[in-house]
Amino acid sequence: MEIAVLSDIHGNYVALETCVNYALERGIDKFIFLGDYLGELAYPQKTMKYLYSLKEKYRCWFIKGNKENYWLKYNNAWKENDSTTGALYYTYHNLTQEDMEFFRQLTDKADFSLDTLPTITLCHGSPNKVNEKLKPDDENTFLIMDNNPADYILCGHTHIQCEIRHSEKILWNPGSVGMPLGGNGKAQFLILRSTTGLAWESELLSIDYDVDKVIDDLHISGLFDKAPSWSIVSEDILRTGKISHGFVLDRAMSICREKTGQCHWPDIPEECWQLAVKEIMGK
């Protein structure tokens, strides 16, 4: 038995379709999705319609990511043509009622069990918080694994593909389908497998897809203008996966504090974003 596990699509429908097609060609017709379906990238409806079609054709399990909470708790401070919140504004204003209802029905975590196989805890961040990062060699990660009833955890959120083993328990992060860190321009996901019917094992995958198509969409859709510096970082992540949005955001806020004495998200001047991007990325 094999199941494809995908997380952090972030609106990258091109990478999503490529990963799913790879799984289908291997005869896999079961899919687990760990949240953050949209954000950052263009044409969010293409991602949602594709997910709905998968839900109709195959057996799928979905949970909520932190991005889904963003859409459900819309922030009036989001602005168009703004690097801090422009991508959020763009995505939210492309959502339908069907999308919002889909997000409302999702849970923050789930216990996944199939046949006689051991239970797996599904979560986006951690079993405790949807936006908590479970990192390798982190005592907090080990504590959460110790306290989790299931011997297996599947999580996303960090965009970093990994396997963590601790005290006979295993945590897998499939990485990010749409915006992987350390992905070198490839889409990441995981295939969950059981050959004995008694335990789970995994295969971590990174596969090529049409990155240029996704970047072209950023420009053609106008999203690059709606969230300029943010989209520069997005393009770099798509091509290299070396520098995260959070890292550049932190520097932009530091520059803002240096210039004004204070800085409160989301009120970060575009000039500070531009300086951060130039300093970190040379662009």
Protein backbone atom coordinates (compact mmCIF):
# COMPACT_ATOMS: atom_id res chain seq x y z
CA MET A 1 0.00 0.00 0.00
CA GLU A 2 1.22 3.49 -0.88
CA ILE A 3 -0.18 6.96 -0.09
CA ALA A 4 1.09 10.29 -1.41
CA VAL A 5 1.52 12.99 1.25
CA LEU A 6 1.62 16.62 0.10
CA SER A 7 1.97 19.84 2.08
CA ASP A 8 2.43 23.58 1.59
CA ILE A 9 1.25 23.93 -2.00
CA HIS A 10 0.92 27.72 -1.64
CA GLY A 11 -0.96 28.06 -4.90
CA ASN A 12 1.64 26.28 -7.04
CA TYR A 13 -0.84 24.32 -9.15
CA VAL A 14 1.86 23.40 -11.69
CA ALA A 15 3.98 21.64 -9.06
CA LEU A 16 0.85 20.09 -7.53
CA GLU A 17 -0.27 18.55 -10.81
CA THR A 18 3.25 17.25 -11.46
CA CYS A 19 3.45 15.56 -8.05
CA VAL A 20 -0.01 14.02 -8.34
CA ASN A 21 0.68 12.74 -11.85
CA TYR A 22 3.89 11.13 -10.61
CA ALA A 23 1.91 9.38 -7.87
CA LEU A 24 -0.84 8.25 -10.24
CA GLU A 25 1.72 6.82 -12.65
CA ARG A 26 2.96 4.68 -9.76
CA GLY A 27 -0.56 3.43 -9.17
CA ILE A 28 -1.12 5.54 -6.04
CA ASP A 29 -4.72 6.67 -5.65
CA LYS A 30 -4.77 7.85 -2.02
CA PHE A 31 -3.64 11.33 -0.99
CA ILE A 32 -3.02 13.12 2.31
CA PHE A 33 -2.83 16.93 2.30
CA LEU A 34 -1.31 18.78 5.26
CA GLY A 35 -2.52 22.34 4.67
CA ASP A 36 -1.41 25.71 3.27
CA TYR A 37 -3.10 25.18 -0.07
CA LEU A 38 -2.85 28.81 -1.21
CA GLY A 39 -0.78 31.96 -0.76
CA GLU A 40 2.19 33.60 -2.51
CA LEU A 41 1.44 32.45 -6.07
CA ALA A 42 -0.91 33.33 -8.91
CA TYR A 43 -4.31 32.00 -9.97
CA PRO A 44 -5.41 30.37 -6.69
CA GLN A 45 -8.60 29.03 -8.29
CA LYS A 46 -6.55 26.68 -10.45
CA THR A 47 -5.18 25.04 -7.31
CA MET A 48 -8.57 24.82 -5.60
CA LYS A 49 -10.37 23.39 -8.64
CA TYR A 50 -7.68 20.77 -9.02
CA LEU A 51 -7.97 19.79 -5.35
CA TYR A 52 -11.74 19.50 -5.68
CA SER A 53 -11.36 17.25 -8.71
CA LEU A 54 -8.96 15.01 -6.77
CA LYS A 55 -11.42 14.83 -3.88
CA GLU A 56 -14.13 13.60 -6.28
CA LYS A 57 -11.97 10.99 -8.02
CA TYR A 58 -9.75 9.58 -5.27
CA ARG A 59 -9.63 8.95 -1.55
CA CYS A 60 -8.24 12.10 0.04
CA TRP A 61 -7.65 13.39 3.55
CA PHE A 62 -7.26 17.14 4.19
CA ILE A 63 -6.29 19.14 7.27
CA LYS A 64 -5.93 22.85 7.91
CA GLY A 65 -2.73 24.92 7.70
CA ASN A 66 -2.02 28.35 9.11
CA LYS A 67 -2.87 29.96 5.76
CA GLU A 68 -6.40 28.58 5.95
CA ASN A 69 -6.80 30.39 9.26
CA TYR A 70 -5.70 33.59 7.51
CA TRP A 71 -8.50 33.31 4.95
CA LEU A 72 -11.08 32.47 7.61
CA LYS A 73 -9.98 35.40 9.79
CA TYR A 74 -9.61 38.03 7.09
CA ASN A 75 -7.57 41.04 8.21
CA ASN A 76 -8.80 44.44 7.03
CA ALA A 77 -5.23 45.74 7.33
CA TRP A 78 -4.17 43.74 4.24
CA LYS A 79 -3.43 46.05 1.33
CA GLU A 80 -3.10 45.73 -2.41
CA ASN A 81 0.24 46.79 -3.91
CA ASP A 82 2.08 46.10 -0.67
CA SER A 83 4.94 43.66 -0.17
CA THR A 84 3.88 42.71 3.35
CA THR A 85 0.27 41.74 2.67
CA GLY A 86 -0.28 42.13 -1.08
CA ALA A 87 -0.13 38.37 -1.77
CA LEU A 88 -2.60 37.72 1.07
CA TYR A 89 -4.95 40.40 -0.28
CA TYR A 90 -4.71 39.00 -3.81
CA THR A 91 -5.39 35.42 -2.73
CA TYR A 92 -8.27 36.28 -0.40
CA HIS A 93 -10.05 38.29 -3.09
CA ASN A 94 -9.85 35.33 -5.46
CA LEU A 95 -11.57 32.92 -3.05
CA THR A 96 -15.13 31.65 -3.53
CA GLN A 97 -17.79 30.68 -1.03
CA GLU A 98 -17.05 27.06 -1.89
CA ASP A 99 -13.43 27.62 -0.89
CA MET A 100 -14.36 29.24 2.42
CA GLU A 101 -16.73 26.41 3.29
CA PHE A 102 -14.04 23.87 2.43
CA PHE A 103 -11.59 25.63 4.78
CA ARG A 104 -14.18 25.85 7.59
CA GLN A 105 -14.67 22.09 7.55
CA LEU A 106 -10.98 21.32 7.98
CA THR A 107 -9.54 20.34 11.37
CA ASP A 108 -6.19 21.46 12.78
CA LYS A 109 -5.08 17.85 13.20
CA ALA A 110 -6.38 14.33 12.67
CA ASP A 111 -5.65 10.76 13.66
CA PHE A 112 -5.15 8.80 10.45
CA SER A 113 -5.65 5.06 10.51
CA LEU A 114 -6.10 2.57 7.71
CA ASP A 115 -6.81 -1.12 7.98
CA THR A 116 -4.65 -2.66 10.74
CA LEU A 117 -1.79 -0.18 10.39
CA PRO A 118 -0.59 2.04 13.28
CA THR A 119 -2.23 5.42 13.74
CA ILE A 120 -0.49 8.51 12.34
CA THR A 121 -1.04 12.01 13.72
CA LEU A 122 -1.62 14.45 10.86
CA CYS A 123 -0.90 18.12 11.54
CA HIS A 124 0.38 21.18 9.73
CA GLY A 125 2.69 22.70 12.32
CA SER A 126 2.53 20.46 15.38
CA PRO A 127 -0.19 18.45 17.14
CA ASN A 128 -0.47 21.40 19.54
CA LYS A 129 -0.40 24.46 17.26
CA VAL A 130 -1.05 24.85 13.57
CA ASN A 131 1.83 27.35 13.21
CA GLU A 132 4.43 25.65 15.44
CA LYS A 133 7.62 24.50 13.72
CA LEU A 134 8.95 21.03 14.46
CA LYS A 135 12.65 21.16 13.65
CA PRO A 136 15.34 18.45 13.74
CA ASP A 137 17.60 18.40 16.81
CA ASP A 138 15.16 20.60 18.74
CA GLU A 139 14.26 19.62 22.29
CA ASN A 140 10.73 20.94 21.80
CA THR A 141 10.27 18.59 18.85
CA PHE A 142 11.41 15.63 20.95
CA LEU A 143 9.10 16.65 23.80
CA ILE A 144 6.12 16.82 21.44
CA MET A 145 6.99 13.44 19.96
CA ASP A 146 7.24 11.94 23.46
CA ASN A 147 3.85 13.32 24.46
CA ASN A 148 2.05 12.40 21.24
CA PRO A 149 0.01 9.17 21.62
CA ALA A 150 0.78 7.96 18.09
CA ASP A 151 4.20 6.63 17.14
CA TYR A 152 4.10 8.50 13.83
CA ILE A 153 3.63 12.20 13.01
CA LEU A 154 3.21 13.77 9.58
CA CYS A 155 3.63 17.55 9.56
CA GLY A 156 4.54 20.43 7.25
CA HIS A 157 4.89 24.20 7.77
CA THR A 158 8.70 24.46 7.82
CA HIS A 159 9.00 23.79 4.05
CA ILE A 160 12.01 21.64 4.91
CA GLN A 161 11.86 17.96 4.01
CA CYS A 162 13.08 15.69 6.79
CA GLU A 163 12.74 12.54 8.86
CA ILE A 164 13.18 12.71 12.64
CA ARG A 165 13.55 9.58 14.75
CA HIS A 166 13.33 9.79 18.53
CA SER A 167 12.57 7.18 21.20
CA GLU A 168 11.22 4.69 18.67
CA LYS A 169 8.89 7.33 17.23
CA ILE A 170 9.12 8.85 13.75
CA LEU A 171 8.20 12.29 12.41
CA TRP A 172 8.12 12.95 8.69
CA ASN A 173 7.90 16.31 6.96
CA PRO A 174 7.27 15.92 3.21
CA GLY A 175 8.68 19.38 2.51
CA SER A 176 6.74 21.81 0.35
CA VAL A 177 5.10 21.05 -2.96
CA GLY A 178 5.02 24.70 -3.96
CA MET A 179 7.73 26.67 -2.13
CA PRO A 180 10.34 24.26 -0.72
CA LEU A 181 13.36 25.55 1.19
CA GLY A 182 16.49 23.76 0.06
CA GLY A 183 14.52 22.39 -2.87
CA ASN A 184 16.83 23.58 -5.67
CA GLY A 185 13.88 24.36 -7.91
CA LYS A 186 12.11 21.03 -7.41
CA ALA A 187 8.74 20.10 -5.90
CA GLN A 188 8.82 18.00 -2.77
CA PHE A 189 6.45 15.43 -1.32
CA LEU A 190 6.46 12.03 0.37
CA ILE A 191 5.18 8.57 -0.36
CA LEU A 192 3.99 6.67 2.68
CA ARG A 193 4.31 2.93 2.34
CA SER A 194 3.57 -0.26 4.24
CA THR A 195 4.89 -3.57 2.97
CA THR A 196 4.10 -5.64 6.05
CA GLY A 197 0.80 -4.14 7.16
CA LEU A 198 2.36 -3.63 10.59
CA ALA A 199 4.48 -0.47 10.22
CA TRP A 200 4.92 2.59 8.04
CA GLU A 201 7.97 3.68 6.07
CA SER A 202 8.48 6.65 3.77
CA GLU A 203 10.12 7.74 0.56
CA LEU A 204 11.05 11.44 0.41
CA LEU A 205 10.87 12.79 -3.13
CA SER A 206 12.05 15.88 -5.00
CA ILE A 207 10.96 16.10 -8.64
CA ASP A 208 11.38 18.52 -11.54
CA TYR A 209 8.47 20.60 -12.79
CA ASP A 210 7.95 23.71 -14.96
CA VAL A 211 9.22 26.43 -12.62
CA ASP A 212 9.35 28.98 -15.46
CA LYS A 213 5.58 28.59 -15.98
CA VAL A 214 4.92 29.48 -12.32
CA ILE A 215 7.19 32.52 -12.49
CA ASP A 216 5.58 33.66 -15.75
CA ASP A 217 2.21 33.45 -13.98
CA LEU A 218 3.50 35.72 -11.22
CA HIS A 219 4.14 38.44 -13.78
CA ILE A 220 1.21 37.87 -16.16
CA SER A 221 -1.34 37.81 -13.33
CA GLY A 222 -0.12 41.15 -11.97
CA LEU A 223 0.73 39.59 -8.61
CA PHE A 224 4.34 40.71 -8.97
CA ASP A 225 3.09 44.31 -8.93
CA LYS A 226 0.64 43.71 -6.09
CA ALA A 227 3.37 42.32 -3.79
CA PRO A 228 6.66 43.40 -5.42
CA SER A 229 9.43 42.57 -2.95
CA TRP A 230 7.54 39.56 -1.59
CA SER A 231 7.28 38.23 -5.15
CA ILE A 232 11.01 38.73 -5.74
CA VAL A 233 11.61 36.42 -2.77
CA SER A 234 8.97 34.01 -4.08
CA GLU A 235 10.74 33.80 -7.44
CA ASP A 236 14.06 33.13 -5.75
CA ILE A 237 12.53 30.38 -3.59
CA LEU A 238 11.02 28.78 -6.69
CA ARG A 239 14.40 28.72 -8.41
CA THR A 240 16.75 27.97 -5.50
CA GLY A 241 14.92 27.55 -2.17
CA LYS A 242 17.78 29.31 -0.38
CA ILE A 243 16.18 32.35 1.30
CA SER A 244 12.80 32.34 3.06
CA HIS A 245 10.19 35.08 3.11
CA GLY A 246 10.48 35.16 6.90
CA PHE A 247 14.20 35.89 6.79
CA VAL A 248 13.75 38.87 4.45
CA LEU A 249 10.69 40.05 6.39
CA ASP A 250 12.69 40.09 9.64
CA ARG A 251 15.37 42.22 8.02
CA ALA A 252 12.80 44.61 6.51
CA MET A 253 11.29 45.09 9.97
CA SER A 254 14.75 45.67 11.47
CA ILE A 255 15.44 48.35 8.87
CA CYS A 256 12.06 49.89 9.64
CA ARG A 257 12.93 50.07 13.36
CA GLU A 258 16.34 51.55 12.57
CA LYS A 259 14.73 54.30 10.50
CA THR A 260 11.64 55.08 12.59
CA GLY A 261 12.34 53.71 16.06
CA GLN A 262 9.51 51.19 15.84
CA CYS A 263 7.90 48.73 13.45
CA HIS A 264 4.61 46.87 13.71
CA TRP A 265 3.43 44.26 11.24
CA PRO A 266 1.93 44.80 8.70
CA ASP A 267 2.97 48.46 8.49
CA ILE A 268 6.37 47.99 6.88
CA PRO A 269 7.29 50.70 4.34
CA GLU A 270 8.05 49.48 0.83
CA GLU A 271 11.41 51.24 1.02
CA CYS A 272 12.43 48.96 3.90
CA TRP A 273 11.47 45.91 1.87
CA GLN A 274 13.50 47.12 -1.08
CA LEU A 275 16.55 47.72 1.10
CA ALA A 276 16.23 44.28 2.70
CA VAL A 277 15.94 42.56 -0.67
CA LYS A 278 18.95 44.44 -2.02
CA GLU A 279 21.06 43.71 1.06
CA ILE A 280 20.22 40.01 1.28
CA MET A 281 19.64 39.08 -2.34
CA GLY A 282 21.49 41.75 -4.26
CA LYS A 283 18.36 42.66 -6.23
